[in-house]
């Protein structure tokens, strides 16, 4: 998968995470893509290291969304004044 595919999946995962987590999320499209890519990386390496799933399984997308939600919560705590 190239860079364009990574950005599209990151956008999809970021949008799903923002949609699933209630509340206001003041960030733009770039931060949404970065959130999705970060969640994907977090879930991919974490899930495979723990032996939960292997590369290419559908659980990877679910894990990526969960990872993005975790990053969204952390981002929300760090962004509060």
C-alpha atoms as a PDB file:
ATOM      1  CA  UNK A   1       0.000   0.000   0.000  1.00  0.00           C
ATOM      2  CA  UNK A   2       1.338   3.399  -0.918  1.00  0.00           C
ATOM      3  CA  UNK A   3       1.208   6.711   0.813  1.00  0.00           C
ATOM      4  CA  UNK A   4      -2.148   7.588  -0.746  1.00  0.00           C
ATOM      5  CA  UNK A   5      -3.699   4.352   0.555  1.00  0.00           C
ATOM      6  CA  UNK A   6      -2.295   5.011   4.015  1.00  0.00           C
ATOM      7  CA  UNK A   7      -3.770   8.511   4.016  1.00  0.00           C
ATOM      8  CA  UNK A   8      -7.177   7.244   2.885  1.00  0.00           C
ATOM      9  CA  UNK A   9      -7.282   4.519   5.536  1.00  0.00           C
ATOM     10  CA  UNK A  10      -6.061   7.020   8.133  1.00  0.00           C
ATOM     11  CA  UNK A  11      -8.848   9.400   7.147  1.00  0.00           C
ATOM     12  CA  UNK A  12     -11.442   6.620   7.329  1.00  0.00           C
ATOM     13  CA  UNK A  13     -10.237   5.430  10.732  1.00  0.00           C
ATOM     14  CA  UNK A  14      -9.994   8.987  12.089  1.00  0.00           C
ATOM     15  CA  UNK A  15     -13.510   9.857  10.935  1.00  0.00           C
ATOM     16  CA  UNK A  16     -14.896   6.633  12.423  1.00  0.00           C
ATOM     17  CA  UNK A  17     -13.157   7.348  15.735  1.00  0.00           C
ATOM     18  CA  UNK A  18     -14.516  10.896  15.849  1.00  0.00           C
ATOM     19  CA  UNK A  19     -17.986   9.628  14.970  1.00  0.00           C
ATOM     20  CA  UNK A  20     -17.970   6.873  17.618  1.00  0.00           C
ATOM     21  CA  UNK A  21     -16.638   8.981  20.489  1.00  0.00           C
ATOM     22  CA  UNK A  22     -19.255  11.459  21.681  1.00  0.00           C
ATOM     23  CA  UNK A  23     -18.421  15.088  22.298  1.00  0.00           C
ATOM     24  CA  UNK A  24     -16.858  17.969  20.456  1.00  0.00           C
ATOM     25  CA  UNK A  25     -13.508  17.461  18.732  1.00  0.00           C
ATOM     26  CA  UNK A  26     -12.056  20.765  17.524  1.00  0.00           C
ATOM     27  CA  UNK A  27      -9.559  19.565  14.935  1.00  0.00           C
ATOM     28  CA  UNK A  28      -9.261  19.767  11.189  1.00  0.00           C
ATOM     29  CA  UNK A  29      -8.895  17.148   8.474  1.00  0.00           C
ATOM     30  CA  UNK A  30      -5.121  16.941   8.803  1.00  0.00           C
ATOM     31  CA  UNK A  31      -5.357  16.128  12.508  1.00  0.00           C
ATOM     32  CA  UNK A  32      -8.102  13.598  11.750  1.00  0.00           C
ATOM     33  CA  UNK A  33      -5.849  11.840   9.237  1.00  0.00           C
ATOM     34  CA  UNK A  34      -2.914  11.900  11.659  1.00  0.00           C
ATOM     35  CA  UNK A  35      -5.165  10.554  14.409  1.00  0.00           C
ATOM     36  CA  UNK A  36      -6.283   7.700  12.171  1.00  0.00           C
ATOM     37  CA  UNK A  37      -2.746   6.862  11.055  1.00  0.00           C
ATOM     38  CA  UNK A  38      -1.523   6.993  14.655  1.00  0.00           C
ATOM     39  CA  UNK A  39      -4.373   4.741  15.793  1.00  0.00           C
ATOM     40  CA  UNK A  40      -3.604   2.318  12.991  1.00  0.00           C
ATOM     41  CA  UNK A  41       0.066   2.161  13.917  1.00  0.00           C
ATOM     42  CA  UNK A  42      -0.716   1.815  17.614  1.00  0.00           C
ATOM     43  CA  UNK A  43      -3.231  -0.969  17.041  1.00  0.00           C
ATOM     44  CA  UNK A  44      -1.211  -2.806  14.409  1.00  0.00           C
ATOM     45  CA  UNK A  45       1.967  -3.107  16.407  1.00  0.00           C
ATOM     46  CA  UNK A  46       0.205  -3.490  19.755  1.00  0.00           C
ATOM     47  CA  UNK A  47      -2.277  -6.120  18.568  1.00  0.00           C
ATOM     48  CA  UNK A  48       0.323  -8.145  16.718  1.00  0.00           C
ATOM     49  CA  UNK A  49       2.800  -7.937  19.601  1.00  0.00           C
ATOM     50  CA  UNK A  50       0.157  -9.253  21.988  1.00  0.00           C
ATOM     51  CA  UNK A  51      -0.835 -11.982  19.524  1.00  0.00           C
ATOM     52  CA  UNK A  52      -4.442 -10.793  19.265  1.00  0.00           C
ATOM     53  CA  UNK A  53      -4.451 -10.895  15.448  1.00  0.00           C
ATOM     54  CA  UNK A  54      -2.170 -11.218  12.455  1.00  0.00           C
ATOM     55  CA  UNK A  55      -1.529  -8.779   9.623  1.00  0.00           C
ATOM     56  CA  UNK A  56      -4.364  -8.575   7.107  1.00  0.00           C
ATOM     57  CA  UNK A  57      -7.175  -9.709   9.391  1.00  0.00           C
ATOM     58  CA  UNK A  58     -10.388  -7.687   9.696  1.00  0.00           C
ATOM     59  CA  UNK A  59      -9.700  -7.201  13.393  1.00  0.00           C
ATOM     60  CA  UNK A  60      -6.946  -4.822  12.331  1.00  0.00           C
ATOM     61  CA  UNK A  61      -9.484  -2.224  11.197  1.00  0.00           C
ATOM     62  CA  UNK A  62     -11.436  -2.551  14.426  1.00  0.00           C
ATOM     63  CA  UNK A  63      -8.199  -2.306  16.380  1.00  0.00           C
ATOM     64  CA  UNK A  64      -7.180   0.757  14.397  1.00  0.00           C
ATOM     65  CA  UNK A  65     -10.462   2.489  15.242  1.00  0.00           C
ATOM     66  CA  UNK A  66     -10.055   1.594  18.927  1.00  0.00           C
ATOM     67  CA  UNK A  67      -6.467   2.850  18.837  1.00  0.00           C
ATOM     68  CA  UNK A  68      -7.627   6.102  17.226  1.00  0.00           C
ATOM     69  CA  UNK A  69     -10.305   6.534  19.902  1.00  0.00           C
ATOM     70  CA  UNK A  70      -7.638   6.078  22.583  1.00  0.00           C
ATOM     71  CA  UNK A  71      -5.507   8.725  20.874  1.00  0.00           C
ATOM     72  CA  UNK A  72      -8.555  10.994  20.606  1.00  0.00           C
ATOM     73  CA  UNK A  73      -9.143  10.718  24.368  1.00  0.00           C
ATOM     74  CA  UNK A  74      -5.458  11.421  25.095  1.00  0.00           C
ATOM     75  CA  UNK A  75      -5.497  14.363  22.664  1.00  0.00           C
ATOM     76  CA  UNK A  76      -8.596  15.733  24.395  1.00  0.00           C
ATOM     77  CA  UNK A  77      -6.918  15.600  27.811  1.00  0.00           C
ATOM     78  CA  UNK A  78      -3.756  17.233  26.523  1.00  0.00           C
ATOM     79  CA  UNK A  79      -5.686  19.968  24.704  1.00  0.00           C
ATOM     80  CA  UNK A  80      -7.697  21.085  27.754  1.00  0.00           C
ATOM     81  CA  UNK A  81      -6.477  24.408  29.211  1.00  0.00           C
END
